[in-house]
Amino acid sequence: MNIQKLDVDVVGIDSSITISEFNKGTGDKFCVQGNLDVEILKLSNNKIEEEVIKILSNINNTTGHIFNLGTGITPDIDPAKLKTLIDVLAKVSPRYTIK
């Protein structure tokens, strides 16, 4: 199936592909949801921030992005790491807002 023919507005992707790689194949047709690897949430807070910035800086479209994990959350993730993720997003995402 050709993904370009899908009649949807948003496509979720996992961490096996970057947003810019996905957009190379699809153009600006879709808003992308994803794609933080859940394993990143087991690392240091600084590494979480680095990965968030890496994902946000890969957004090169005008159709938007919904930040999310590339997969579901696993039971071994410390809830404090989710708070770190939310705090980092609140701090850095405004500079990547699509206008």
PDB file of N, CA and C in Angstrom:
ATOM      1  N   MET A   1       0.837  -1.180   0.000  1.00  0.00           N
ATOM      2  CA  MET A   1       0.000   0.000   0.000  1.00  0.00           C
ATOM      3  C   MET A   1       0.885   1.246   0.000  1.00  0.00           C
ATOM      4  N   ASN A   2       0.523   2.218  -0.772  1.00  0.00           N
ATOM      5  CA  ASN A   2       1.215   3.494  -0.824  1.00  0.00           C
ATOM      6  C   ASN A   2       0.663   4.381   0.286  1.00  0.00           C
ATOM      7  N   ILE A   3       1.519   4.764   1.212  1.00  0.00           N
ATOM      8  CA  ILE A   3       1.074   5.560   2.355  1.00  0.00           C
ATOM      9  C   ILE A   3       0.490   6.897   1.923  1.00  0.00           C
ATOM     10  N   GLN A   4       0.938   7.415   0.798  1.00  0.00           N
ATOM     11  CA  GLN A   4       0.413   8.690   0.297  1.00  0.00           C
ATOM     12  C   GLN A   4      -1.080   8.625   0.005  1.00  0.00           C
ATOM     13  N   LYS A   5      -1.595   7.428  -0.243  1.00  0.00           N
ATOM     14  CA  LYS A   5      -3.011   7.279  -0.588  1.00  0.00           C
ATOM     15  C   LYS A   5      -3.916   7.159   0.632  1.00  0.00           C
ATOM     16  N   LEU A   6      -3.335   7.085   1.819  1.00  0.00           N
ATOM     17  CA  LEU A   6      -4.153   6.979   3.025  1.00  0.00           C
ATOM     18  C   LEU A   6      -4.980   8.242   3.225  1.00  0.00           C
ATOM     19  N   ASP A   7      -6.223   8.062   3.597  1.00  0.00           N
ATOM     20  CA  ASP A   7      -7.117   9.191   3.842  1.00  0.00           C
ATOM     21  C   ASP A   7      -7.133   9.498   5.344  1.00  0.00           C
ATOM     22  N   VAL A   8      -5.975   9.913   5.847  1.00  0.00           N
ATOM     23  CA  VAL A   8      -5.822  10.253   7.263  1.00  0.00           C
ATOM     24  C   VAL A   8      -5.017  11.546   7.369  1.00  0.00           C
ATOM     25  N   ASP A   9      -5.133  12.199   8.503  1.00  0.00           N
ATOM     26  CA  ASP A   9      -4.390  13.437   8.729  1.00  0.00           C
ATOM     27  C   ASP A   9      -3.122  13.230   9.543  1.00  0.00           C
ATOM     28  N   VAL A  10      -3.130  12.197  10.406  1.00  0.00           N
ATOM     29  CA  VAL A  10      -2.027  11.961  11.331  1.00  0.00           C
ATOM     30  C   VAL A  10      -1.534  10.528  11.183  1.00  0.00           C
ATOM     31  N   VAL A  11      -0.206  10.366  11.187  1.00  0.00           N
ATOM     32  CA  VAL A  11       0.399   9.039  11.140  1.00  0.00           C
ATOM     33  C   VAL A  11       1.366   8.927  12.314  1.00  0.00           C
ATOM     34  N   GLY A  12       1.236   7.843  13.081  1.00  0.00           N
ATOM     35  CA  GLY A  12       2.156   7.583  14.180  1.00  0.00           C
ATOM     36  C   GLY A  12       3.336   6.767  13.695  1.00  0.00           C
ATOM     37  N   ILE A  13       4.528   7.166  14.118  1.00  0.00           N
ATOM     38  CA  ILE A  13       5.727   6.416  13.745  1.00  0.00           C
ATOM     39  C   ILE A  13       6.496   6.033  15.006  1.00  0.00           C
ATOM     40  N   ASP A  14       7.256   4.941  14.895  1.00  0.00           N
ATOM     41  CA  ASP A  14       8.071   4.525  16.034  1.00  0.00           C
ATOM     42  C   ASP A  14       9.474   5.105  15.885  1.00  0.00           C
ATOM     43  N   SER A  15      10.351   4.718  16.772  1.00  0.00           N
ATOM     44  CA  SER A  15      11.688   5.309  16.800  1.00  0.00           C
ATOM     45  C   SER A  15      12.658   4.699  15.791  1.00  0.00           C
ATOM     46  N   SER A  16      12.192   3.771  14.968  1.00  0.00           N
ATOM     47  CA  SER A  16      13.087   3.158  13.981  1.00  0.00           C
ATOM     48  C   SER A  16      13.324   4.058  12.769  1.00  0.00           C
ATOM     49  N   ILE A  17      12.605   5.163  12.685  1.00  0.00           N
ATOM     50  CA  ILE A  17      12.764   6.108  11.582  1.00  0.00           C
ATOM     51  C   ILE A  17      12.658   7.521  12.151  1.00  0.00           C
ATOM     52  N   THR A  18      13.461   8.431  11.613  1.00  0.00           N
ATOM     53  CA  THR A  18      13.344   9.817  12.066  1.00  0.00           C
ATOM     54  C   THR A  18      12.174  10.481  11.350  1.00  0.00           C
ATOM     55  N   ILE A  19      11.713  11.563  11.924  1.00  0.00           N
ATOM     56  CA  ILE A  19      10.607  12.300  11.311  1.00  0.00           C
ATOM     57  C   ILE A  19      11.022  12.838   9.950  1.00  0.00           C
ATOM     58  N   SER A  20      12.255  13.326   9.837  1.00  0.00           N
ATOM     59  CA  SER A  20      12.689  13.854   8.539  1.00  0.00           C
ATOM     60  C   SER A  20      12.773  12.755   7.489  1.00  0.00           C
ATOM     61  N   GLU A  21      13.190  11.547   7.875  1.00  0.00           N
ATOM     62  CA  GLU A  21      13.209  10.426   6.920  1.00  0.00           C
ATOM     63  C   GLU A  21      11.790  10.074   6.485  1.00  0.00           C
ATOM     64  N   PHE A  22      10.867  10.048   7.433  1.00  0.00           N
ATOM     65  CA  PHE A  22       9.471   9.756   7.102  1.00  0.00           C
ATOM     66  C   PHE A  22       8.930  10.803   6.131  1.00  0.00           C
ATOM     67  N   ASN A  23       9.208  12.066   6.412  1.00  0.00           N
ATOM     68  CA  ASN A  23       8.692  13.138   5.560  1.00  0.00           C
ATOM     69  C   ASN A  23       9.309  13.140   4.168  1.00  0.00           C
ATOM     70  N   LYS A  24      10.536  12.627   4.033  1.00  0.00           N
ATOM     71  CA  LYS A  24      11.135  12.523   2.697  1.00  0.00           C
ATOM     72  C   LYS A  24      10.290  11.633   1.803  1.00  0.00           C
ATOM     73  N   GLY A  25       9.702  10.614   2.387  1.00  0.00           N
ATOM     74  CA  GLY A  25       8.888   9.690   1.609  1.00  0.00           C
ATOM     75  C   GLY A  25       7.438  10.100   1.460  1.00  0.00           C
ATOM     76  N   THR A  26       6.995  11.033   2.301  1.00  0.00           N
ATOM     77  CA  THR A  26       5.567  11.384   2.273  1.00  0.00           C
ATOM     78  C   THR A  26       5.310  12.862   2.032  1.00  0.00           C
ATOM     79  N   GLY A  27       6.338  13.672   2.080  1.00  0.00           N
ATOM     80  CA  GLY A  27       6.133  15.105   1.924  1.00  0.00           C
ATOM     81  C   GLY A  27       5.450  15.680   3.156  1.00  0.00           C
ATOM     82  N   ASP A  28       4.696  16.733   2.956  1.00  0.00           N
ATOM     83  CA  ASP A  28       4.003  17.400   4.055  1.00  0.00           C
ATOM     84  C   ASP A  28       2.554  16.970   4.185  1.00  0.00           C
ATOM     85  N   LYS A  29       2.229  15.780   3.714  1.00  0.00           N
ATOM     86  CA  LYS A  29       0.835  15.340   3.725  1.00  0.00           C
ATOM     87  C   LYS A  29       0.304  15.085   5.131  1.00  0.00           C
ATOM     88  N   PHE A  30       1.142  14.590   6.035  1.00  0.00           N
ATOM     89  CA  PHE A  30       0.664  14.130   7.338  1.00  0.00           C
ATOM     90  C   PHE A  30       1.261  14.912   8.502  1.00  0.00           C
ATOM     91  N   CYS A  31       0.467  15.060   9.527  1.00  0.00           N
ATOM     92  CA  CYS A  31       0.980  15.415  10.840  1.00  0.00           C
ATOM     93  C   CYS A  31       1.571  14.120  11.399  1.00  0.00           C
ATOM     94  N   VAL A  32       2.729  14.193  12.019  1.00  0.00           N
ATOM     95  CA  VAL A  32       3.402  12.996  12.522  1.00  0.00           C
ATOM     96  C   VAL A  32       3.269  12.934  14.041  1.00  0.00           C
ATOM     97  N   GLN A  33       2.946  11.739  14.535  1.00  0.00           N
ATOM     98  CA  GLN A  33       2.893  11.494  15.972  1.00  0.00           C
ATOM     99  C   GLN A  33       4.002  10.526  16.345  1.00  0.00           C
ATOM    100  N   GLY A  34       4.773  10.855  17.342  1.00  0.00           N
ATOM    101  CA  GLY A  34       5.842   9.973  17.805  1.00  0.00           C
ATOM    102  C   GLY A  34       7.092  10.785  18.058  1.00  0.00           C
ATOM    103  N   ASN A  35       8.138  10.274  18.153  1.00  0.00           N
ATOM    104  CA  ASN A  35       8.658   8.939  18.036  1.00  0.00           C
ATOM    105  C   ASN A  35       9.798   8.664  19.007  1.00  0.00           C
ATOM    106  N   LEU A  36       9.634   9.120  20.246  1.00  0.00           N
ATOM    107  CA  LEU A  36      10.669   8.893  21.255  1.00  0.00           C
ATOM    108  C   LEU A  36      10.717   7.420  21.636  1.00  0.00           C
ATOM    109  N   ASP A  37      11.908   6.853  21.616  1.00  0.00           N
ATOM    110  CA  ASP A  37      12.121   5.472  22.048  1.00  0.00           C
ATOM    111  C   ASP A  37      11.906   5.404  23.558  1.00  0.00           C
ATOM    112  N   VAL A  38      11.029   4.539  24.009  1.00  0.00           N
ATOM    113  CA  VAL A  38      10.713   4.427  25.434  1.00  0.00           C
ATOM    114  C   VAL A  38      11.959   4.132  26.266  1.00  0.00           C
ATOM    115  N   GLU A  39      12.955   3.492  25.686  1.00  0.00           N
ATOM    116  CA  GLU A  39      14.189   3.174  26.413  1.00  0.00           C
ATOM    117  C   GLU A  39      14.945   4.432  26.847  1.00  0.00           C
ATOM    118  N   ILE A  40      14.736   5.535  26.150  1.00  0.00           N
ATOM    119  CA  ILE A  40      15.381   6.801  26.508  1.00  0.00           C
ATOM    120  C   ILE A  40      14.966   7.231  27.910  1.00  0.00           C
ATOM    121  N   LEU A  41      13.760   6.868  28.312  1.00  0.00           N
ATOM    122  CA  LEU A  41      13.266   7.259  29.632  1.00  0.00           C
ATOM    123  C   LEU A  41      13.967   6.527  30.773  1.00  0.00           C
ATOM    124  N   LYS A  42      14.847   5.613  30.449  1.00  0.00           N
ATOM    125  CA  LYS A  42      15.655   4.931  31.467  1.00  0.00           C
ATOM    126  C   LYS A  42      17.007   5.621  31.657  1.00  0.00           C
ATOM    127  N   LEU A  43      17.277   6.640  30.857  1.00  0.00           N
ATOM    128  CA  LEU A  43      18.571   7.318  30.884  1.00  0.00           C
ATOM    129  C   LEU A  43      18.511   8.567  31.760  1.00  0.00           C
ATOM    130  N   SER A  44      19.597   9.305  31.785  1.00  0.00           N
ATOM    131  CA  SER A  44      19.670  10.522  32.603  1.00  0.00           C
ATOM    132  C   SER A  44      18.712  11.590  32.084  1.00  0.00           C
ATOM    133  N   ASN A  45      18.391  12.529  32.951  1.00  0.00           N
ATOM    134  CA  ASN A  45      17.515  13.628  32.554  1.00  0.00           C
ATOM    135  C   ASN A  45      18.132  14.443  31.422  1.00  0.00           C
ATOM    136  N   ASN A  46      19.447  14.627  31.445  1.00  0.00           N
ATOM    137  CA  ASN A  46      20.117  15.360  30.363  1.00  0.00           C
ATOM    138  C   ASN A  46      19.977  14.630  29.036  1.00  0.00           C
ATOM    139  N   LYS A  47      20.086  13.310  29.062  1.00  0.00           N
ATOM    140  CA  LYS A  47      19.945  12.526  27.827  1.00  0.00           C
ATOM    141  C   LYS A  47      18.510  12.604  27.316  1.00  0.00           C
ATOM    142  N   ILE A  48      17.542  12.595  28.215  1.00  0.00           N
ATOM    143  CA  ILE A  48      16.140  12.745  27.797  1.00  0.00           C
ATOM    144  C   ILE A  48      15.979  14.076  27.072  1.00  0.00           C
ATOM    145  N   GLU A  49      16.526  15.137  27.639  1.00  0.00           N
ATOM    146  CA  GLU A  49      16.422  16.452  26.997  1.00  0.00           C
ATOM    147  C   GLU A  49      17.106  16.457  25.629  1.00  0.00           C
ATOM    148  N   GLU A  50      18.284  15.860  25.530  1.00  0.00           N
ATOM    149  CA  GLU A  50      18.985  15.782  24.238  1.00  0.00           C
ATOM    150  C   GLU A  50      18.129  15.086  23.189  1.00  0.00           C
ATOM    151  N   GLU A  51      17.501  13.986  23.557  1.00  0.00           N
ATOM    152  CA  GLU A  51      16.691  13.222  22.601  1.00  0.00           C
ATOM    153  C   GLU A  51      15.438  13.986  22.194  1.00  0.00           C
ATOM    154  N   VAL A  52      14.818  14.683  23.134  1.00  0.00           N
ATOM    155  CA  VAL A  52      13.646  15.504  22.806  1.00  0.00           C
ATOM    156  C   VAL A  52      14.041  16.568  21.791  1.00  0.00           C
ATOM    157  N   ILE A  53      15.142  17.248  22.041  1.00  0.00           N
ATOM    158  CA  ILE A  53      15.603  18.291  21.119  1.00  0.00           C
ATOM    159  C   ILE A  53      15.936  17.693  19.759  1.00  0.00           C
ATOM    160  N   LYS A  54      16.546  16.520  19.745  1.00  0.00           N
ATOM    161  CA  LYS A  54      16.876  15.868  18.467  1.00  0.00           C
ATOM    162  C   LYS A  54      15.607  15.581  17.666  1.00  0.00           C
ATOM    163  N   ILE A  55      14.587  15.080  18.330  1.00  0.00           N
ATOM    164  CA  ILE A  55      13.322  14.793  17.636  1.00  0.00           C
ATOM    165  C   ILE A  55      12.688  16.081  17.138  1.00  0.00           C
ATOM    166  N   LEU A  56      12.579  17.073  18.001  1.00  0.00           N
ATOM    167  CA  LEU A  56      11.929  18.320  17.599  1.00  0.00           C
ATOM    168  C   LEU A  56      12.685  19.019  16.477  1.00  0.00           C
ATOM    169  N   SER A  57      13.998  18.934  16.473  1.00  0.00           N
ATOM    170  CA  SER A  57      14.770  19.591  15.414  1.00  0.00           C
ATOM    171  C   SER A  57      14.672  18.853  14.086  1.00  0.00           C
ATOM    172  N   ASN A  58      14.162  17.630  14.103  1.00  0.00           N
ATOM    173  CA  ASN A  58      13.962  16.846  12.885  1.00  0.00           C
ATOM    174  C   ASN A  58      12.647  17.167  12.187  1.00  0.00           C
ATOM    175  N   ILE A  59      11.809  17.946  12.825  1.00  0.00           N
ATOM    176  CA  ILE A  59      10.513  18.266  12.219  1.00  0.00           C
ATOM    177  C   ILE A  59      10.752  19.295  11.129  1.00  0.00           C
ATOM    178  N   ASN A  60      10.494  18.893   9.906  1.00  0.00           N
ATOM    179  CA  ASN A  60      10.754  19.782   8.770  1.00  0.00           C
ATOM    180  C   ASN A  60       9.527  19.868   7.875  1.00  0.00           C
ATOM    181  N   ASN A  61       8.366  19.924   8.517  1.00  0.00           N
ATOM    182  CA  ASN A  61       7.142  20.049   7.722  1.00  0.00           C
ATOM    183  C   ASN A  61       6.275  21.152   8.297  1.00  0.00           C
ATOM    184  N   THR A  62       5.192  21.408   7.647  1.00  0.00           N
ATOM    185  CA  THR A  62       4.269  22.438   8.119  1.00  0.00           C
ATOM    186  C   THR A  62       2.946  21.845   8.574  1.00  0.00           C
ATOM    187  N   THR A  63       2.872  20.533   8.619  1.00  0.00           N
ATOM    188  CA  THR A  63       1.613  19.881   8.980  1.00  0.00           C
ATOM    189  C   THR A  63       1.536  19.505  10.450  1.00  0.00           C
ATOM    190  N   GLY A  64       2.597  19.724  11.188  1.00  0.00           N
ATOM    191  CA  GLY A  64       2.543  19.532  12.623  1.00  0.00           C
ATOM    192  C   GLY A  64       3.160  18.253  13.138  1.00  0.00           C
ATOM    193  N   HIS A  65       3.212  18.196  14.463  1.00  0.00           N
ATOM    194  CA  HIS A  65       3.809  17.062  15.160  1.00  0.00           C
ATOM    195  C   HIS A  65       3.129  16.920  16.511  1.00  0.00           C
ATOM    196  N   ILE A  66       2.831  15.699  16.874  1.00  0.00           N
ATOM    197  CA  ILE A  66       2.304  15.375  18.196  1.00  0.00           C
ATOM    198  C   ILE A  66       3.387  14.564  18.886  1.00  0.00           C
ATOM    199  N   PHE A  67       3.992  15.143  19.911  1.00  0.00           N
ATOM    200  CA  PHE A  67       5.077  14.437  20.586  1.00  0.00           C
ATOM    201  C   PHE A  67       4.499  13.266  21.355  1.00  0.00           C
ATOM    202  N   ASN A  68       5.142  12.113  21.207  1.00  0.00           N
ATOM    203  CA  ASN A  68       4.663  10.901  21.848  1.00  0.00           C
ATOM    204  C   ASN A  68       5.809   9.896  21.854  1.00  0.00           C
ATOM    205  N   LEU A  69       5.612   8.833  22.599  1.00  0.00           N
ATOM    206  CA  LEU A  69       6.545   7.720  22.515  1.00  0.00           C
ATOM    207  C   LEU A  69       6.317   6.994  21.200  1.00  0.00           C
ATOM    208  N   GLY A  70       7.350   6.342  20.710  1.00  0.00           N
ATOM    209  CA  GLY A  70       7.207   5.557  19.488  1.00  0.00           C
ATOM    210  C   GLY A  70       6.448   4.261  19.720  1.00  0.00           C
ATOM    211  N   THR A  71       6.337   3.862  20.973  1.00  0.00           N
ATOM    212  CA  THR A  71       5.600   2.655  21.369  1.00  0.00           C
ATOM    213  C   THR A  71       4.867   2.974  22.660  1.00  0.00           C
ATOM    214  N   GLY A  72       4.214   1.999  23.207  1.00  0.00           N
ATOM    215  CA  GLY A  72       3.565   2.204  24.496  1.00  0.00           C
ATOM    216  C   GLY A  72       4.578   2.289  25.626  1.00  0.00           C
ATOM    217  N   ILE A  73       4.130   2.807  26.739  1.00  0.00           N
ATOM    218  CA  ILE A  73       5.008   2.884  27.910  1.00  0.00           C
ATOM    219  C   ILE A  73       5.069   1.521  28.581  1.00  0.00           C
ATOM    220  N   THR A  74       6.200   1.217  29.138  1.00  0.00           N
ATOM    221  CA  THR A  74       6.382  -0.084  29.776  1.00  0.00           C
ATOM    222  C   THR A  74       6.377   0.076  31.301  1.00  0.00           C
ATOM    223  N   PRO A  75       6.018  -0.984  32.021  1.00  0.00           N
ATOM    224  CA  PRO A  75       5.884  -0.885  33.478  1.00  0.00           C
ATOM    225  C   PRO A  75       7.182  -0.552  34.217  1.00  0.00           C
ATOM    226  N   ASP A  76       8.316  -0.757  33.570  1.00  0.00           N
ATOM    227  CA  ASP A  76       9.590  -0.509  34.240  1.00  0.00           C
ATOM    228  C   ASP A  76      10.051   0.945  34.183  1.00  0.00           C
ATOM    229  N   ILE A  77       9.244   1.818  33.598  1.00  0.00           N
ATOM    230  CA  ILE A  77       9.614   3.230  33.503  1.00  0.00           C
ATOM    231  C   ILE A  77       9.242   3.948  34.800  1.00  0.00           C
ATOM    232  N   ASP A  78      10.202   4.642  35.360  1.00  0.00           N
ATOM    233  CA  ASP A  78       9.991   5.423  36.573  1.00  0.00           C
ATOM    234  C   ASP A  78       9.083   6.617  36.241  1.00  0.00           C
ATOM    235  N   PRO A  79       7.976   6.784  36.952  1.00  0.00           N
ATOM    236  CA  PRO A  79       7.089   7.926  36.692  1.00  0.00           C
ATOM    237  C   PRO A  79       7.803   9.279  36.771  1.00  0.00           C
ATOM    238  N   ALA A  80       8.857   9.370  37.554  1.00  0.00           N
ATOM    239  CA  ALA A  80       9.617  10.619  37.631  1.00  0.00           C
ATOM    240  C   ALA A  80      10.244  10.965  36.285  1.00  0.00           C
ATOM    241  N   LYS A  81      10.583   9.950  35.490  1.00  0.00           N
ATOM    242  CA  LYS A  81      11.146  10.200  34.162  1.00  0.00           C
ATOM    243  C   LYS A  81      10.087  10.766  33.216  1.00  0.00           C
ATOM    244  N   LEU A  82       8.836  10.373  33.407  1.00  0.00           N
ATOM    245  CA  LEU A  82       7.755  10.962  32.608  1.00  0.00           C
ATOM    246  C   LEU A  82       7.587  12.436  32.958  1.00  0.00           C
ATOM    247  N   LYS A  83       7.709  12.754  34.229  1.00  0.00           N
ATOM    248  CA  LYS A  83       7.640  14.160  34.637  1.00  0.00           C
ATOM    249  C   LYS A  83       8.790  14.936  34.011  1.00  0.00           C
ATOM    250  N   THR A  84       9.968  14.344  33.998  1.00  0.00           N
ATOM    251  CA  THR A  84      11.109  14.985  33.341  1.00  0.00           C
ATOM    252  C   THR A  84      10.795  15.248  31.879  1.00  0.00           C
ATOM    253  N   LEU A  85      10.253  14.251  31.199  1.00  0.00           N
ATOM    254  CA  LEU A  85       9.898  14.406  29.786  1.00  0.00           C
ATOM    255  C   LEU A  85       8.919  15.560  29.595  1.00  0.00           C
ATOM    256  N   ILE A  86       7.888  15.611  30.403  1.00  0.00           N
ATOM    257  CA  ILE A  86       6.883  16.676  30.293  1.00  0.00           C
ATOM    258  C   ILE A  86       7.511  18.037  30.568  1.00  0.00           C
ATOM    259  N   ASP A  87       8.349  18.117  31.596  1.00  0.00           N
ATOM    260  CA  ASP A  87       9.010  19.384  31.917  1.00  0.00           C
ATOM    261  C   ASP A  87       9.928  19.836  30.786  1.00  0.00           C
ATOM    262  N   VAL A  88      10.671  18.912  30.207  1.00  0.00           N
ATOM    263  CA  VAL A  88      11.561  19.242  29.087  1.00  0.00           C
ATOM    264  C   VAL A  88      10.745  19.741  27.899  1.00  0.00           C
ATOM    265  N   LEU A  89       9.665  19.049  27.588  1.00  0.00           N
ATOM    266  CA  LEU A  89       8.820  19.483  26.470  1.00  0.00           C
ATOM    267  C   LEU A  89       8.268  20.880  26.708  1.00  0.00           C
ATOM    268  N   ALA A  90       7.825  21.156  27.921  1.00  0.00           N
ATOM    269  CA  ALA A  90       7.292  22.486  28.234  1.00  0.00           C
ATOM    270  C   ALA A  90       8.366  23.558  28.077  1.00  0.00           C
ATOM    271  N   LYS A  91       9.595  23.202  28.400  1.00  0.00           N
ATOM    272  CA  LYS A  91      10.698  24.157  28.328  1.00  0.00           C
ATOM    273  C   LYS A  91      11.174  24.403  26.901  1.00  0.00           C
ATOM    274  N   VAL A  92      11.344  23.341  26.117  1.00  0.00           N
ATOM    275  CA  VAL A  92      12.006  23.505  24.813  1.00  0.00           C
ATOM    276  C   VAL A  92      11.071  23.538  23.608  1.00  0.00           C
ATOM    277  N   SER A  93       9.882  22.982  23.715  1.00  0.00           N
ATOM    278  CA  SER A  93       9.045  22.876  22.511  1.00  0.00           C
ATOM    279  C   SER A  93       8.601  24.216  21.927  1.00  0.00           C
ATOM    280  N   PRO A  94       8.422  25.288  22.718  1.00  0.00           N
ATOM    281  CA  PRO A  94       7.997  26.541  22.075  1.00  0.00           C
ATOM    282  C   PRO A  94       8.932  27.034  20.982  1.00  0.00           C
ATOM    283  N   ARG A  95      10.224  26.732  21.083  1.00  0.00           N
ATOM    284  CA  ARG A  95      11.139  27.212  20.035  1.00  0.00           C
ATOM    285  C   ARG A  95      11.001  26.426  18.736  1.00  0.00           C
ATOM    286  N   TYR A  96      10.262  25.324  18.767  1.00  0.00           N
ATOM    287  CA  TYR A  96      10.060  24.505  17.572  1.00  0.00           C
ATOM    288  C   TYR A  96       8.630  24.599  17.045  1.00  0.00           C
ATOM    289  N   THR A  97       7.846  25.510  17.570  1.00  0.00           N
ATOM    290  CA  THR A  97       6.459  25.653  17.147  1.00  0.00           C
ATOM    291  C   THR A  97       6.395  26.009  15.668  1.00  0.00           C
ATOM    292  N   ILE A  98       5.543  25.300  14.946  1.00  0.00           N
ATOM    293  CA  ILE A  98       5.349  25.566  13.518  1.00  0.00           C
ATOM    294  C   ILE A  98       4.411  26.748  13.381  1.00  0.00           C
ATOM    295  N   LYS A  99       4.836  27.721  12.628  1.00  0.00           N
ATOM    296  CA  LYS A  99       4.017  28.933  12.468  1.00  0.00           C
ATOM    297  C   LYS A  99       3.419  28.991  11.089  1.00  0.00           C
TER     298      LYS A  99
END
